[in-house]
C-alpha atoms as a PDB file:
ATOM      1  CA  MET A   1     -60.255 -29.768  65.269  1.00  0.00           C
ATOM      2  CA  LYS A   2     -62.338 -27.790  62.771  1.00  0.00           C
ATOM      3  CA  TYR A   3     -60.505 -29.047  59.700  1.00  0.00           C
ATOM      4  CA  ASP A   4     -59.972 -32.703  60.672  1.00  0.00           C
ATOM      5  CA  SER A   5     -61.251 -33.965  57.325  1.00  0.00           C
ATOM      6  CA  LEU A   6     -58.863 -31.746  55.323  1.00  0.00           C
ATOM      7  CA  PHE A   7     -55.997 -32.647  57.654  1.00  0.00           C
ATOM      8  CA  GLU A   8     -56.582 -36.352  57.173  1.00  0.00           C
ATOM      9  CA  GLN A   9     -57.412 -36.229  53.429  1.00  0.00           C
ATOM     10  CA  ALA A  10     -54.304 -34.254  52.448  1.00  0.00           C
ATOM     11  CA  THR A  11     -51.984 -36.036  50.007  1.00  0.00           C
ATOM     12  CA  ASP A  12     -48.882 -34.697  51.774  1.00  0.00           C
ATOM     13  CA  ALA A  13     -47.707 -35.653  55.231  1.00  0.00           C
ATOM     14  CA  ILE A  14     -48.820 -33.118  57.840  1.00  0.00           C
ATOM     15  CA  MET A  15     -47.460 -32.794  61.337  1.00  0.00           C
ATOM     16  CA  VAL A  16     -48.156 -30.408  64.179  1.00  0.00           C
ATOM     17  CA  THR A  17     -45.383 -29.885  66.725  1.00  0.00           C
ATOM     18  CA  ASP A  18     -44.659 -27.616  69.636  1.00  0.00           C
ATOM     19  CA  PHE A  19     -41.694 -25.235  69.567  1.00  0.00           C
ATOM     20  CA  LYS A  20     -39.409 -27.968  70.908  1.00  0.00           C
ATOM     21  CA  GLY A  21     -40.269 -30.328  68.045  1.00  0.00           C
ATOM     22  CA  ASN A  22     -42.506 -32.686  70.014  1.00  0.00           C
ATOM     23  CA  PHE A  23     -45.329 -34.086  67.901  1.00  0.00           C
ATOM     24  CA  LYS A  24     -48.820 -32.955  68.882  1.00  0.00           C
ATOM     25  CA  ASP A  25     -50.672 -34.402  65.877  1.00  0.00           C
ATOM     26  CA  VAL A  26     -49.946 -36.114  62.550  1.00  0.00           C
ATOM     27  CA  ASN A  27     -52.072 -37.256  59.635  1.00  0.00           C
ATOM     28  CA  SER A  28     -52.138 -40.777  58.233  1.00  0.00           C
ATOM     29  CA  ASN A  29     -49.871 -39.840  55.312  1.00  0.00           C
ATOM     30  CA  CYS A  30     -47.231 -38.765  57.815  1.00  0.00           C
ATOM     31  CA  CYS A  31     -47.482 -42.187  59.460  1.00  0.00           C
ATOM     32  CA  THR A  32     -47.231 -43.888  56.060  1.00  0.00           C
ATOM     33  CA  LEU A  33     -44.267 -41.770  54.942  1.00  0.00           C
ATOM     34  CA  PHE A  34     -42.197 -42.477  58.031  1.00  0.00           C
ATOM     35  CA  GLY A  35     -43.461 -45.999  58.824  1.00  0.00           C
ATOM     36  CA  TYR A  36     -44.722 -45.292  62.325  1.00  0.00           C
ATOM     37  CA  ALA A  37     -48.126 -45.717  63.916  1.00  0.00           C
ATOM     38  CA  LYS A  38     -49.734 -42.437  64.972  1.00  0.00           C
ATOM     39  CA  LYS A  39     -49.340 -43.351  68.659  1.00  0.00           C
ATOM     40  CA  GLU A  40     -45.587 -43.945  68.129  1.00  0.00           C
ATOM     41  CA  LEU A  41     -45.048 -40.615  66.374  1.00  0.00           C
ATOM     42  CA  LEU A  42     -46.933 -38.696  69.073  1.00  0.00           C
ATOM     43  CA  GLU A  43     -44.361 -39.982  71.574  1.00  0.00           C
ATOM     44  CA  LEU A  44     -41.396 -38.783  69.457  1.00  0.00           C
ATOM     45  CA  ASN A  45     -39.668 -35.516  68.699  1.00  0.00           C
ATOM     46  CA  VAL A  46     -39.248 -34.499  65.062  1.00  0.00           C
ATOM     47  CA  LYS A  47     -35.468 -34.731  65.557  1.00  0.00           C
ATOM     48  CA  ALA A  48     -35.872 -38.524  65.757  1.00  0.00           C
ATOM     49  CA  LEU A  49     -36.749 -38.441  62.039  1.00  0.00           C
ATOM     50  CA  LEU A  50     -33.762 -36.316  61.043  1.00  0.00           C
ATOM     51  CA  ILE A  51     -30.208 -37.388  60.286  1.00  0.00           C
ATOM     52  CA  PRO A  52     -28.020 -35.966  63.094  1.00  0.00           C
ATOM     53  CA  GLY A  53     -25.344 -34.668  60.694  1.00  0.00           C
ATOM     54  CA  HIS A  54     -27.952 -33.003  58.514  1.00  0.00           C
ATOM     55  CA  LEU A  55     -29.537 -31.469  61.613  1.00  0.00           C
ATOM     56  CA  LYS A  56     -26.174 -29.924  62.572  1.00  0.00           C
ATOM     57  CA  GLU A  57     -25.754 -28.436  59.085  1.00  0.00           C
ATOM     58  CA  ASN A  58     -29.370 -27.317  58.816  1.00  0.00           C
ATOM     59  CA  PRO A  59     -30.871 -26.883  62.300  1.00  0.00           C
ATOM     60  CA  ILE A  60     -34.578 -26.406  62.828  1.00  0.00           C
ATOM     61  CA  ARG A  61     -35.095 -22.658  63.181  1.00  0.00           C
ATOM     62  CA  PHE A  62     -37.740 -22.539  65.902  1.00  0.00           C
ATOM     63  CA  ASP A  63     -36.777 -18.892  66.530  1.00  0.00           C
ATOM     64  CA  ILE A  64     -37.909 -17.866  63.026  1.00  0.00           C
ATOM     65  CA  LEU A  65     -41.109 -19.854  63.384  1.00  0.00           C
ATOM     66  CA  ALA A  66     -41.846 -18.373  66.843  1.00  0.00           C
ATOM     67  CA  ALA A  67     -41.472 -14.894  65.331  1.00  0.00           C
ATOM     68  CA  GLY A  68     -44.161 -15.770  62.749  1.00  0.00           C
ATOM     69  CA  GLY A  69     -41.842 -16.561  59.861  1.00  0.00           C
ATOM     70  CA  THR A  70     -42.303 -19.361  57.375  1.00  0.00           C
ATOM     71  CA  ILE A  71     -39.601 -21.889  56.613  1.00  0.00           C
ATOM     72  CA  PHE A  72     -39.475 -23.807  53.353  1.00  0.00           C
ATOM     73  CA  ASN A  73     -36.543 -26.131  52.898  1.00  0.00           C
ATOM     74  CA  GLN A  74     -35.396 -29.547  51.812  1.00  0.00           C
ATOM     75  CA  ARG A  75     -34.330 -32.116  54.348  1.00  0.00           C
ATOM     76  CA  GLU A  76     -33.039 -35.643  54.528  1.00  0.00           C
ATOM     77  CA  MET A  77     -35.197 -37.634  56.896  1.00  0.00           C
ATOM     78  CA  VAL A  78     -35.253 -41.260  58.003  1.00  0.00           C
ATOM     79  CA  HIS A  79     -38.005 -43.861  57.737  1.00  0.00           C
ATOM     80  CA  LYS A  80     -38.513 -46.153  60.742  1.00  0.00           C
ATOM     81  CA  ASN A  81     -36.668 -48.922  58.838  1.00  0.00           C
ATOM     82  CA  GLY A  82     -33.636 -46.641  58.295  1.00  0.00           C
ATOM     83  CA  THR A  83     -34.369 -45.778  54.660  1.00  0.00           C
ATOM     84  CA  LEU A  84     -33.411 -42.243  53.635  1.00  0.00           C
ATOM     85  CA  ILE A  85     -36.306 -39.998  52.588  1.00  0.00           C
ATOM     86  CA  TYR A  86     -35.799 -36.661  50.840  1.00  0.00           C
ATOM     87  CA  VAL A  87     -38.532 -34.147  51.637  1.00  0.00           C
ATOM     88  CA  GLU A  88     -39.580 -30.575  51.062  1.00  0.00           C
ATOM     89  CA  ALA A  89     -40.899 -29.147  54.305  1.00  0.00           C
ATOM     90  CA  ASN A  90     -43.034 -26.029  54.690  1.00  0.00           C
ATOM     91  CA  ALA A  91     -43.381 -24.924  58.318  1.00  0.00           C
ATOM     92  CA  LYS A  92     -45.399 -22.089  59.851  1.00  0.00           C
ATOM     93  CA  LYS A  93     -46.581 -21.082  63.308  1.00  0.00           C
ATOM     94  CA  ILE A  94     -50.338 -21.695  63.624  1.00  0.00           C
ATOM     95  CA  ASP A  95     -50.883 -20.502  67.181  1.00  0.00           C
ATOM     96  CA  GLU A  96     -48.850 -19.562  70.237  1.00  0.00           C
ATOM     97  CA  ASP A  97     -47.606 -23.077  70.934  1.00  0.00           C
ATOM     98  CA  CYS A  98     -47.964 -24.957  67.612  1.00  0.00           C
ATOM     99  CA  ILE A  99     -46.177 -25.299  64.321  1.00  0.00           C
ATOM    100  CA  LEU A 100     -47.822 -26.792  61.235  1.00  0.00           C
ATOM    101  CA  VAL A 101     -45.424 -28.626  58.917  1.00  0.00           C
ATOM    102  CA  ILE A 102     -46.444 -29.912  55.506  1.00  0.00           C
ATOM    103  CA  VAL A 103     -43.975 -32.473  54.205  1.00  0.00           C
ATOM    104  CA  ARG A 104     -43.758 -33.649  50.590  1.00  0.00           C
ATOM    105  CA  ASP A 105     -41.769 -36.750  49.681  1.00  0.00           C
ATOM    106  CA  ILE A 106     -39.319 -35.849  46.886  1.00  0.00           C
ATOM    107  CA  THR A 107     -37.171 -38.983  47.133  1.00  0.00           C
ATOM    108  CA  GLU A 108     -38.004 -40.196  43.627  1.00  0.00           C
ATOM    109  CA  ARG A 109     -37.306 -36.747  42.180  1.00  0.00           C
ATOM    110  CA  LYS A 110     -33.928 -36.634  43.950  1.00  0.00           C
ATOM    111  CA  PHE A 111     -32.967 -40.047  42.566  1.00  0.00           C
ATOM    112  CA  LEU A 112     -34.045 -38.985  39.060  1.00  0.00           C
ATOM    113  CA  GLU A 113     -32.015 -35.762  39.393  1.00  0.00           C
ATOM    114  CA  LYS A 114     -28.999 -37.800  40.494  1.00  0.00           C
ATOM    115  CA  GLU A 115     -29.466 -40.207  37.576  1.00  0.00           C
ATOM    116  CA  LEU A 116     -29.806 -37.299  35.130  1.00  0.00           C
ATOM    117  CA  PHE A 117     -26.660 -35.705  36.560  1.00  0.00           C
ATOM    118  CA  GLN A 118     -24.743 -38.963  36.126  1.00  0.00           C
ATOM    119  CA  GLN A 119     -25.988 -39.291  32.536  1.00  0.00           C
ATOM    120  CA  LYS A 120     -24.867 -35.712  31.815  1.00  0.00           C
ATOM    121  CA  MET A 121     -21.454 -36.473  33.291  1.00  0.00           C
ATOM    122  CA  GLN A 122     -21.149 -39.586  31.087  1.00  0.00           C
ATOM    123  CA  GLU A 123     -22.112 -37.547  28.014  1.00  0.00           C
ATOM    124  CA  GLN A 124     -19.557 -34.866  28.906  1.00  0.00           C
ATOM    125  CA  LYS A 125     -16.886 -37.539  29.306  1.00  0.00           C
ATOM    126  CA  LYS A 126     -17.781 -38.941  25.865  1.00  0.00           C
ATOM    127  CA  ILE A 127     -17.607 -35.456  24.329  1.00  0.00           C
ATOM    128  CA  ILE A 128     -14.254 -34.729  25.976  1.00  0.00           C
ATOM    129  CA  LYS A 129     -12.898 -38.086  24.790  1.00  0.00           C
ATOM    130  CA  ALA A 130     -14.110 -37.379  21.241  1.00  0.00           C
ATOM    131  CA  VAL A 131     -12.489 -33.918  21.285  1.00  0.00           C
ATOM    132  CA  ILE A 132      -9.193 -35.342  22.558  1.00  0.00           C
ATOM    133  CA  ASN A 133      -9.275 -38.088  19.922  1.00  0.00           C
ATOM    134  CA  ALA A 134      -9.968 -35.504  17.207  1.00  0.00           C
ATOM    135  CA  GLN A 135      -7.089 -33.336  18.455  1.00  0.00           C
ATOM    136  CA  GLU A 136      -4.727 -36.304  18.526  1.00  0.00           C
ATOM    137  CA  LYS A 137      -5.805 -37.303  15.019  1.00  0.00           C
ATOM    138  CA  LYS A 138      -5.231 -33.748  13.753  1.00  0.00           C
ATOM    139  CA  ARG A 139      -1.793 -33.598  15.411  1.00  0.00           C
ATOM    140  CA  ALA A 140      -0.850 -36.938  13.847  1.00  0.00           C
ATOM    141  CA  GLU A 141      -2.027 -35.646  10.461  1.00  0.00           C
ATOM    142  CA  ILE A 142       0.030 -32.464  10.857  1.00  0.00           C
ATOM    143  CA  GLY A 143       3.027 -34.565  11.906  1.00  0.00           C
ATOM    144  CA  ARG A 144       2.710 -36.742   8.798  1.00  0.00           C
ATOM    145  CA  GLU A 145       2.251 -33.642   6.643  1.00  0.00           C
ATOM    146  CA  LEU A 146       5.387 -32.090   8.117  1.00  0.00           C
ATOM    147  CA  HIS A 147       7.353 -35.256   7.713  1.00  0.00           C
ATOM    148  CA  ASP A 148       6.195 -36.193   4.233  1.00  0.00           C
ATOM    149  CA  ASN A 149       5.525 -32.891   2.495  1.00  0.00           C
ATOM    150  CA  VAL A 150       7.516 -30.122   4.193  1.00  0.00           C
ATOM    151  CA  ASN A 151      10.674 -32.199   4.483  1.00  0.00           C
ATOM    152  CA  GLN A 152      10.549 -32.916   0.725  1.00  0.00           C
ATOM    153  CA  LEU A 153      10.053 -29.224  -0.043  1.00  0.00           C
ATOM    154  CA  LEU A 154      12.970 -28.245   2.168  1.00  0.00           C
ATOM    155  CA  ALA A 155      15.174 -30.904   0.598  1.00  0.00           C
ATOM    156  CA  ALA A 156      14.271 -29.715  -2.936  1.00  0.00           C
ATOM    157  CA  SER A 157      14.921 -26.096  -1.961  1.00  0.00           C
ATOM    158  CA  LYS A 158      18.303 -27.045  -0.529  1.00  0.00           C
ATOM    159  CA  LEU A 159      19.175 -28.883  -3.750  1.00  0.00           C
ATOM    160  CA  TYR A 160      18.251 -25.825  -5.858  1.00  0.00           C
ATOM    161  CA  GLN A 161      20.387 -23.583  -3.653  1.00  0.00           C
ATOM    162  CA  HIS A 162      23.283 -26.002  -3.795  1.00  0.00           C
ATOM    163  CA  GLN A 163      22.903 -26.240  -7.578  1.00  0.00           C
ATOM    164  CA  SER A 164      22.919 -22.417  -7.851  1.00  0.00           C
ATOM    165  CA  LEU A 165      26.365 -22.402  -6.263  1.00  0.00           C
ATOM    166  CA  LYS A 166      27.648 -25.014  -8.746  1.00  0.00           C
ATOM    167  CA  GLU A 167      26.234 -23.301 -11.817  1.00  0.00           C
ATOM    168  CA  PRO A 168      26.573 -19.507 -11.330  1.00  0.00           C
ATOM    169  CA  THR A 169      25.099 -18.820 -14.795  1.00  0.00           C
ATOM    170  CA  LYS A 170      21.759 -20.374 -13.750  1.00  0.00           C
ATOM    171  CA  LYS A 171      21.952 -18.988 -10.216  1.00  0.00           C
ATOM    172  CA  PHE A 172      18.852 -16.753 -10.554  1.00  0.00           C
ATOM    173  CA  GLU A 173      16.771 -19.608 -12.037  1.00  0.00           C
ATOM    174  CA  TYR A 174      17.724 -22.026  -9.217  1.00  0.00           C
ATOM    175  CA  ILE A 175      17.090 -19.476  -6.452  1.00  0.00           C
ATOM    176  CA  THR A 176      13.675 -18.652  -7.982  1.00  0.00           C
ATOM    177  CA  LYS A 177      12.765 -22.344  -8.014  1.00  0.00           C
ATOM    178  CA  SER A 178      14.039 -22.654  -4.434  1.00  0.00           C
ATOM    179  CA  VAL A 179      11.760 -19.775  -3.304  1.00  0.00           C
ATOM    180  CA  GLU A 180       8.771 -21.336  -5.100  1.00  0.00           C
END
């Protein structure tokens, strides 16, 4: 191969498959990423590295690749020891019977995104709890205000009105005080 040195020196995992997903070549980073020896990978199909459920949801679109299209997507793949690996895969037809796939391990990024999401959810829960506590405190304050202050004002007003009925000569004065 003309570019063997570039193929092998690449920092990302590189695999070459046929249009059925059978491996034709892989670089050493591909072997490292998935935990297989090169000879082992060359005997496998790429589907052996994919989670069956994920493959059903997101099938490999060999038809698009055969037509000359490029596919860039994220996939969940499996290391030889069963560990889940999150990858970004960029696939393109390189000749009539080969597909070149460059795979970047994004597992750490996915875990950091998940951790960040969980931290955001915790912060939102704290904010919601603080808002609810503030609302409850305000309601309790309004309740005390109604009980302590408004009830006294209503009682005083009632007394002034009652007094205005007892003393008709001071009726206007008592009703004015009641309104105040």
